[in-house]
C-alpha atoms as a PDB file:
ATOM      1  CA  MET A   1      -5.406 -16.939  12.605  1.00  0.00           C
ATOM      2  CA  LEU A   2      -7.369 -19.308  10.358  1.00  0.00           C
ATOM      3  CA  GLN A   3     -10.194 -19.522  12.892  1.00  0.00           C
ATOM      4  CA  CYS A   4     -10.416 -15.741  12.807  1.00  0.00           C
ATOM      5  CA  PHE A   5     -10.632 -15.892   9.000  1.00  0.00           C
ATOM      6  CA  TYR A   6     -13.350 -18.563   9.036  1.00  0.00           C
ATOM      7  CA  ALA A   7     -15.438 -16.633  11.546  1.00  0.00           C
ATOM      8  CA  PHE A   8     -15.289 -13.604   9.267  1.00  0.00           C
ATOM      9  CA  ILE A   9     -16.240 -15.628   6.188  1.00  0.00           C
ATOM     10  CA  LYS A  10     -19.121 -17.291   7.995  1.00  0.00           C
ATOM     11  CA  GLY A  11     -20.571 -13.901   8.915  1.00  0.00           C
ATOM     12  CA  LEU A  12     -20.295 -12.346   5.472  1.00  0.00           C
ATOM     13  CA  GLN A  13     -23.570 -11.086   4.060  1.00  0.00           C
ATOM     14  CA  VAL A  14     -22.098 -10.275   0.632  1.00  0.00           C
ATOM     15  CA  ASP A  15     -20.252 -12.235  -2.038  1.00  0.00           C
ATOM     16  CA  PHE A  16     -16.999 -10.373  -1.358  1.00  0.00           C
ATOM     17  CA  PRO A  17     -16.326  -7.702   1.285  1.00  0.00           C
ATOM     18  CA  ALA A  18     -15.147  -4.188   0.455  1.00  0.00           C
ATOM     19  CA  THR A  19     -11.368  -3.802   0.394  1.00  0.00           C
ATOM     20  CA  THR A  20     -11.464  -1.637   3.529  1.00  0.00           C
ATOM     21  CA  ASP A  21     -13.306  -4.380   5.444  1.00  0.00           C
ATOM     22  CA  LEU A  22     -10.996  -7.085   4.097  1.00  0.00           C
ATOM     23  CA  SER A  23      -7.871  -5.168   5.106  1.00  0.00           C
ATOM     24  CA  ALA A  24      -9.247  -4.314   8.542  1.00  0.00           C
ATOM     25  CA  ARG A  25     -10.171  -7.938   9.253  1.00  0.00           C
ATOM     26  CA  ALA A  26      -6.764  -9.186   8.081  1.00  0.00           C
ATOM     27  CA  ARG A  27      -5.058  -6.751  10.471  1.00  0.00           C
ATOM     28  CA  HIS A  28      -7.346  -7.772  13.304  1.00  0.00           C
ATOM     29  CA  CYS A  29      -6.632 -11.472  12.810  1.00  0.00           C
ATOM     30  CA  TYR A  30      -2.889 -10.941  12.394  1.00  0.00           C
ATOM     31  CA  ASN A  31      -2.581  -8.622  15.388  1.00  0.00           C
ATOM     32  CA  ASN A  32      -4.404 -11.051  17.632  1.00  0.00           C
ATOM     33  CA  ALA A  33      -2.468 -14.080  16.386  1.00  0.00           C
ATOM     34  CA  TYR A  34       0.941 -12.446  16.754  1.00  0.00           C
ATOM     35  CA  HIS A  35       0.131 -10.106  19.659  1.00  0.00           C
ATOM     36  CA  LEU A  36       1.022  -7.057  17.571  1.00  0.00           C
ATOM     37  CA  THR A  37       0.391  -3.945  19.644  1.00  0.00           C
ATOM     38  CA  ALA A  38       0.687  -0.318  18.563  1.00  0.00           C
ATOM     39  CA  ASP A  39       4.035  -0.050  20.343  1.00  0.00           C
ATOM     40  CA  LYS A  40       5.395  -3.128  18.584  1.00  0.00           C
ATOM     41  CA  LEU A  41       4.159  -1.799  15.250  1.00  0.00           C
ATOM     42  CA  LYS A  42       5.898   1.516  15.847  1.00  0.00           C
ATOM     43  CA  ALA A  43       9.121  -0.346  16.639  1.00  0.00           C
ATOM     44  CA  ASN A  44       9.034  -2.191  13.318  1.00  0.00           C
ATOM     45  CA  PRO A  45       6.432  -0.880  10.841  1.00  0.00           C
ATOM     46  CA  ASP A  46       8.119  -2.662   7.913  1.00  0.00           C
ATOM     47  CA  LYS A  47       7.573  -6.069   9.497  1.00  0.00           C
ATOM     48  CA  GLY A  48       4.027  -5.182  10.494  1.00  0.00           C
ATOM     49  CA  LEU A  49       3.107  -4.068   6.975  1.00  0.00           C
ATOM     50  CA  LEU A  50       4.427  -7.243   5.367  1.00  0.00           C
ATOM     51  CA  GLY A  51       2.621  -9.353   7.953  1.00  0.00           C
ATOM     52  CA  TRP A  52      -0.662  -7.584   7.244  1.00  0.00           C
ATOM     53  CA  LEU A  53      -0.267  -7.950   3.482  1.00  0.00           C
ATOM     54  CA  ASP A  54       0.428 -11.662   3.785  1.00  0.00           C
ATOM     55  CA  ALA A  55      -2.500 -12.145   6.164  1.00  0.00           C
ATOM     56  CA  GLU A  56      -4.849 -10.345   3.813  1.00  0.00           C
ATOM     57  CA  PHE A  57      -3.736 -12.456   0.863  1.00  0.00           C
ATOM     58  CA  GLN A  58      -4.422 -15.603   2.897  1.00  0.00           C
ATOM     59  CA  LEU A  59      -7.835 -14.281   3.911  1.00  0.00           C
ATOM     60  CA  PHE A  60      -8.656 -13.336   0.331  1.00  0.00           C
ATOM     61  CA  LYS A  61      -7.750 -16.823  -0.924  1.00  0.00           C
ATOM     62  CA  ALA A  62      -9.860 -18.375   1.814  1.00  0.00           C
ATOM     63  CA  ILE A  63     -12.862 -16.311   0.677  1.00  0.00           C
ATOM     64  CA  GLU A  64     -12.215 -17.242  -2.967  1.00  0.00           C
ATOM     65  CA  ASN A  65     -12.110 -20.939  -2.110  1.00  0.00           C
ATOM     66  CA  ASN A  66     -15.291 -20.615  -0.081  1.00  0.00           C
ATOM     67  CA  ARG A  67     -17.139 -18.785  -2.840  1.00  0.00           C
ATOM     68  CA  TYR A  68     -15.890 -20.659  -5.904  1.00  0.00           C
ATOM     69  CA  SER A  69     -14.870 -24.183  -4.816  1.00  0.00           C
ATOM     70  CA  THR A  70     -18.246 -25.679  -5.714  1.00  0.00           C
ATOM     71  CA  ARG A  71     -18.591 -23.727  -8.949  1.00  0.00           C
ATOM     72  CA  ILE A  72     -15.225 -24.703 -10.438  1.00  0.00           C
ATOM     73  CA  GLN A  73     -15.923 -28.397  -9.775  1.00  0.00           C
ATOM     74  CA  THR A  74     -18.960 -28.366 -12.060  1.00  0.00           C
ATOM     75  CA  PRO A  75     -18.823 -28.175 -15.884  1.00  0.00           C
ATOM     76  CA  PHE A  76     -19.118 -24.805 -17.576  1.00  0.00           C
ATOM     77  CA  ALA A  77     -21.900 -24.406 -20.123  1.00  0.00           C
ATOM     78  CA  SER A  78     -19.571 -22.646 -22.565  1.00  0.00           C
ATOM     79  CA  VAL A  79     -16.119 -21.186 -23.019  1.00  0.00           C
ATOM     80  CA  GLU A  80     -17.682 -17.754 -22.656  1.00  0.00           C
ATOM     81  CA  GLU A  81     -18.973 -18.635 -19.199  1.00  0.00           C
ATOM     82  CA  LEU A  82     -15.555 -19.927 -18.184  1.00  0.00           C
ATOM     83  CA  VAL A  83     -13.846 -16.752 -19.420  1.00  0.00           C
ATOM     84  CA  GLU A  84     -16.408 -14.529 -17.690  1.00  0.00           C
ATOM     85  CA  ILE A  85     -15.883 -16.178 -14.313  1.00  0.00           C
ATOM     86  CA  ALA A  86     -12.097 -16.247 -14.752  1.00  0.00           C
ATOM     87  CA  ASN A  87     -12.060 -12.546 -15.613  1.00  0.00           C
ATOM     88  CA  THR A  88     -14.192 -11.740 -12.580  1.00  0.00           C
ATOM     89  CA  ILE A  89     -11.725 -13.539 -10.322  1.00  0.00           C
ATOM     90  CA  LEU A  90      -8.628 -12.017 -11.938  1.00  0.00           C
ATOM     91  CA  ASN A  91      -9.994  -8.468 -11.985  1.00  0.00           C
ATOM     92  CA  ARG A  92     -10.958  -8.698  -8.322  1.00  0.00           C
ATOM     93  CA  ARG A  93      -7.454  -9.903  -7.481  1.00  0.00           C
ATOM     94  CA  LYS A  94      -5.819  -7.044  -9.373  1.00  0.00           C
ATOM     95  CA  SER A  95      -7.993  -4.327  -7.876  1.00  0.00           C
ATOM     96  CA  ARG A  96      -7.548  -5.681  -4.339  1.00  0.00           C
ATOM     97  CA  VAL A  97      -3.744  -5.619  -4.270  1.00  0.00           C
ATOM     98  CA  GLY A  98      -3.241  -1.898  -4.844  1.00  0.00           C
ATOM     99  CA  LYS A  99      -6.021  -0.861  -2.505  1.00  0.00           C
ATOM    100  CA  SER A 100      -4.901  -3.161   0.292  1.00  0.00           C
ATOM    101  CA  LEU A 101      -1.434  -1.618   0.257  1.00  0.00           C
ATOM    102  CA  GLU A 102      -2.941   1.852   0.607  1.00  0.00           C
ATOM    103  CA  HIS A 103      -5.216   0.756   3.457  1.00  0.00           C
ATOM    104  CA  HIS A 104      -2.378  -0.794   5.445  1.00  0.00           C
ATOM    105  CA  LEU A 105      -0.048   2.153   4.886  1.00  0.00           C
ATOM    106  CA  GLU A 106      -2.749   4.504   6.108  1.00  0.00           C
ATOM    107  CA  GLU A 107      -3.232   2.417   9.246  1.00  0.00           C
ATOM    108  CA  ILE A 108       0.492   2.731   9.969  1.00  0.00           C
ATOM    109  CA  PHE A 109       0.403   6.494   9.449  1.00  0.00           C
ATOM    110  CA  ASN A 110      -2.589   6.696  11.782  1.00  0.00           C
ATOM    111  CA  THR A 111      -0.807   4.610  14.402  1.00  0.00           C
ATOM    112  CA  PHE A 112       2.148   7.004  14.358  1.00  0.00           C
ATOM    113  CA  GLY A 113      -0.226   9.979  14.503  1.00  0.00           C
ATOM    114  CA  LEU A 114       1.039  11.501  11.262  1.00  0.00           C
ATOM    115  CA  LYS A 115      -1.021  14.331   9.815  1.00  0.00           C
ATOM    116  CA  HIS A 116      -1.956  13.276   6.310  1.00  0.00           C
ATOM    117  CA  SER A 117      -4.721  12.894   3.768  1.00  0.00           C
ATOM    118  CA  SER A 118      -5.323  10.353   1.027  1.00  0.00           C
ATOM    119  CA  GLN A 119      -6.459  10.957  -2.542  1.00  0.00           C
ATOM    120  CA  THR A 120      -6.409  14.731  -2.051  1.00  0.00           C
ATOM    121  CA  VAL A 121      -6.974  16.826  -5.166  1.00  0.00           C
ATOM    122  CA  THR A 122      -4.011  19.015  -6.137  1.00  0.00           C
ATOM    123  CA  GLU A 123      -3.279  20.708  -9.468  1.00  0.00           C
ATOM    124  CA  MET A 124      -5.291  19.726 -12.553  1.00  0.00           C
ATOM    125  CA  ASN A 125      -7.414  17.312 -10.519  1.00  0.00           C
ATOM    126  CA  LYS A 126      -4.414  15.109  -9.669  1.00  0.00           C
ATOM    127  CA  ARG A 127      -4.843  12.861  -6.646  1.00  0.00           C
ATOM    128  CA  PRO A 128      -1.647  11.744  -4.895  1.00  0.00           C
ATOM    129  CA  ASP A 129      -2.130   8.670  -2.739  1.00  0.00           C
ATOM    130  CA  PHE A 130      -0.866  10.405   0.407  1.00  0.00           C
ATOM    131  CA  LEU A 131      -0.210  14.068   1.138  1.00  0.00           C
ATOM    132  CA  PHE A 132       1.453  15.205   4.364  1.00  0.00           C
ATOM    133  CA  PRO A 133       0.292  17.116   6.378  1.00  0.00           C
ATOM    134  CA  GLY A 134      -2.838  17.685   4.279  1.00  0.00           C
ATOM    135  CA  PRO A 135      -4.744  19.759   1.694  1.00  0.00           C
ATOM    136  CA  GLU A 136      -5.028  22.894   3.818  1.00  0.00           C
ATOM    137  CA  ALA A 137      -1.272  23.182   4.214  1.00  0.00           C
ATOM    138  CA  TYR A 138      -0.707  22.391   0.549  1.00  0.00           C
ATOM    139  CA  ALA A 139      -3.170  25.078  -0.556  1.00  0.00           C
ATOM    140  CA  ASP A 140      -1.588  27.698   1.747  1.00  0.00           C
ATOM    141  CA  PRO A 141       1.195  29.513  -0.156  1.00  0.00           C
ATOM    142  CA  ARG A 142       2.670  30.606   3.194  1.00  0.00           C
ATOM    143  CA  PHE A 143       3.200  27.023   4.339  1.00  0.00           C
ATOM    144  CA  ASP A 144       6.836  25.918   4.158  1.00  0.00           C
ATOM    145  CA  GLU A 145       7.200  23.725   1.061  1.00  0.00           C
ATOM    146  CA  ASN A 146      10.030  21.815   2.739  1.00  0.00           C
ATOM    147  CA  LYS A 147       7.490  20.421   5.187  1.00  0.00           C
ATOM    148  CA  LEU A 148       5.210  19.071   2.459  1.00  0.00           C
ATOM    149  CA  VAL A 149       5.583  15.390   1.583  1.00  0.00           C
ATOM    150  CA  VAL A 150       3.940  13.307  -1.122  1.00  0.00           C
ATOM    151  CA  LEU A 151       3.913   9.522  -1.168  1.00  0.00           C
ATOM    152  CA  ALA A 152       2.645   7.382  -4.016  1.00  0.00           C
ATOM    153  CA  SER A 153       1.786   3.746  -3.375  1.00  0.00           C
ATOM    154  CA  LYS A 154       2.291   1.197  -6.154  1.00  0.00           C
ATOM    155  CA  THR A 155       2.712  -2.544  -5.797  1.00  0.00           C
ATOM    156  CA  THR A 156       4.909  -2.495  -8.924  1.00  0.00           C
ATOM    157  CA  CYS A 157       6.737   0.380 -10.598  1.00  0.00           C
ATOM    158  CA  LYS A 158       7.685  -0.519 -14.178  1.00  0.00           C
ATOM    159  CA  ASP A 159       6.967   2.661 -16.177  1.00  0.00           C
ATOM    160  CA  ARG A 160       4.026   3.650 -13.948  1.00  0.00           C
ATOM    161  CA  TRP A 161       6.312   5.600 -11.626  1.00  0.00           C
ATOM    162  CA  ARG A 162       6.261   8.480 -14.137  1.00  0.00           C
ATOM    163  CA  GLN A 163       2.595   9.049 -13.288  1.00  0.00           C
ATOM    164  CA  ILE A 164       3.541  10.601  -9.956  1.00  0.00           C
ATOM    165  CA  LEU A 165       5.891  13.278 -11.313  1.00  0.00           C
ATOM    166  CA  ASN A 166       3.208  15.971 -11.689  1.00  0.00           C
ATOM    167  CA  GLU A 167       0.882  14.983  -8.863  1.00  0.00           C
ATOM    168  CA  ALA A 168       1.947  17.848  -6.585  1.00  0.00           C
ATOM    169  CA  ASP A 169       3.816  20.779  -8.112  1.00  0.00           C
ATOM    170  CA  ARG A 170       4.837  22.267  -4.758  1.00  0.00           C
ATOM    171  CA  VAL A 171       6.729  19.132  -3.738  1.00  0.00           C
ATOM    172  CA  ARG A 172       9.980  18.690  -5.625  1.00  0.00           C
ATOM    173  CA  THR A 173      10.947  15.215  -4.408  1.00  0.00           C
ATOM    174  CA  LYS A 174       8.199  12.624  -4.750  1.00  0.00           C
ATOM    175  CA  HIS A 175       8.332   9.531  -2.561  1.00  0.00           C
ATOM    176  CA  LEU A 176       7.208   6.209  -4.002  1.00  0.00           C
ATOM    177  CA  PHE A 177       6.412   3.171  -1.891  1.00  0.00           C
ATOM    178  CA  THR A 178       6.554  -0.095  -3.810  1.00  0.00           C
ATOM    179  CA  LEU A 179       6.632  -3.818  -3.196  1.00  0.00           C
ATOM    180  CA  GLN A 180       8.574  -4.455  -6.392  1.00  0.00           C
ATOM    181  CA  GLN A 181      12.005  -5.891  -5.769  1.00  0.00           C
ATOM    182  CA  GLY A 182      15.208  -5.760  -7.769  1.00  0.00           C
ATOM    183  CA  ILE A 183      14.601  -2.705  -9.937  1.00  0.00           C
ATOM    184  CA  SER A 184      17.476  -2.289 -12.407  1.00  0.00           C
ATOM    185  CA  SER A 185      20.259   0.268 -11.986  1.00  0.00           C
ATOM    186  CA  ASN A 186      19.186   2.033 -15.178  1.00  0.00           C
ATOM    187  CA  GLN A 187      15.620   2.499 -14.000  1.00  0.00           C
ATOM    188  CA  LEU A 188      16.735   3.600 -10.552  1.00  0.00           C
ATOM    189  CA  ALA A 189      19.086   6.150 -12.098  1.00  0.00           C
ATOM    190  CA  GLU A 190      16.205   7.534 -14.129  1.00  0.00           C
ATOM    191  CA  MET A 191      13.925   7.671 -11.117  1.00  0.00           C
ATOM    192  CA  TYR A 192      16.400   9.510  -8.912  1.00  0.00           C
ATOM    193  CA  LYS A 193      17.289  11.874 -11.747  1.00  0.00           C
ATOM    194  CA  SER A 194      13.570  12.744 -11.798  1.00  0.00           C
ATOM    195  CA  ASP A 195      13.583  13.387  -8.017  1.00  0.00           C
ATOM    196  CA  VAL A 196      11.697  10.219  -7.146  1.00  0.00           C
ATOM    197  CA  CYS A 197      12.801   8.681  -3.843  1.00  0.00           C
ATOM    198  CA  LEU A 198      12.025   4.996  -3.444  1.00  0.00           C
ATOM    199  CA  VAL A 199      10.533   3.595  -0.219  1.00  0.00           C
ATOM    200  CA  VAL A 200      10.397  -0.193   0.270  1.00  0.00           C
ATOM    201  CA  PRO A 201       9.982  -2.662   3.149  1.00  0.00           C
ATOM    202  CA  LYS A 202      13.300  -3.109   4.930  1.00  0.00           C
ATOM    203  CA  PRO A 203      13.766  -6.805   4.005  1.00  0.00           C
ATOM    204  CA  TYR A 204      13.578  -5.839   0.319  1.00  0.00           C
ATOM    205  CA  ILE A 205      16.550  -3.461   0.392  1.00  0.00           C
ATOM    206  CA  THR A 206      19.068  -6.203  -0.379  1.00  0.00           C
ATOM    207  CA  SER A 207      17.290  -7.027  -3.664  1.00  0.00           C
ATOM    208  CA  PHE A 208      18.386  -3.687  -5.133  1.00  0.00           C
ATOM    209  CA  PRO A 209      21.756  -2.834  -6.726  1.00  0.00           C
ATOM    210  CA  GLU A 210      24.261  -2.215  -3.966  1.00  0.00           C
ATOM    211  CA  GLU A 211      25.173   1.285  -5.114  1.00  0.00           C
ATOM    212  CA  TYR A 212      21.539   2.445  -4.698  1.00  0.00           C
ATOM    213  CA  ARG A 213      20.748   0.886  -1.334  1.00  0.00           C
ATOM    214  CA  PRO A 214      21.887   3.939   0.703  1.00  0.00           C
ATOM    215  CA  CYS A 215      19.428   6.096  -1.284  1.00  0.00           C
ATOM    216  CA  ILE A 216      16.405   3.875  -0.709  1.00  0.00           C
ATOM    217  CA  LEU A 217      14.274   4.465   2.376  1.00  0.00           C
ATOM    218  CA  THR A 218      12.614   1.818   4.498  1.00  0.00           C
ATOM    219  CA  LEU A 219       9.083   2.492   5.696  1.00  0.00           C
ATOM    220  CA  ASN A 220      10.509   3.234   9.129  1.00  0.00           C
ATOM    221  CA  ASP A 221      12.938   5.742   7.586  1.00  0.00           C
ATOM    222  CA  PHE A 222      10.127   7.469   5.729  1.00  0.00           C
ATOM    223  CA  VAL A 223       7.908   7.708   8.799  1.00  0.00           C
ATOM    224  CA  GLY A 224      10.836   9.173  10.749  1.00  0.00           C
ATOM    225  CA  GLN A 225      11.402  11.853   8.127  1.00  0.00           C
ATOM    226  CA  VAL A 226       7.733  12.840   8.111  1.00  0.00           C
ATOM    227  CA  MET A 227       7.662  12.928  11.906  1.00  0.00           C
ATOM    228  CA  ALA A 228      10.656  15.268  11.890  1.00  0.00           C
ATOM    229  CA  LYS A 229       8.985  17.589   9.381  1.00  0.00           C
ATOM    230  CA  GLN A 230       5.842  17.633  11.533  1.00  0.00           C
ATOM    231  CA  GLY A 231       7.833  18.426  14.683  1.00  0.00           C
ATOM    232  CA  MET A 232       7.150  15.060  16.312  1.00  0.00           C
ATOM    233  CA  GLN A 233      10.803  14.251  17.069  1.00  0.00           C
END
């Protein structure tokens, strides 16, 4: 997989690639290295997603080392210069993480053939990360509301989960995919009281309080529910 990374870095014509290109290359390298086909991904989307995320992080670090290894070995002219470069690196890291998760989730939804849209405008210019089956169905008052699904994508929840509560008025239960592990019982109780259903990678389930594990969906569970609503099962 490293050779695939280095070939990508060698061919880069920009300082850093766009997040879509970075995610796509990470998937390409991972899929080739581990012989991940569409059928294998469908059999275990949770494992595939985590593999892609890890591969992208490795690729990102490889690009960072390639771009900054020489610079950080030479003295900085001032503290201000040091802070400026450090902030550039940190801000790029923060912005990449959230976007990469969205890109990889969308690739999984595409692989399963789910009808969906991303960043669709709903009420009051809100933009849920994913809307199933799409904006036309959501805007049609005759469309069965029980077949509408909203999924927010956040690497961490903390108090940010409240942001999704009014992103789609027609959908009562909001689904939230997160990579955060071990959310407290009190916060989970508040989330489920607010009709927020948590979706996490399957290996993360055991990090949550035992009494809430039956309520939490894996990515595979979520995909199955959407497929059923779209008449694909």
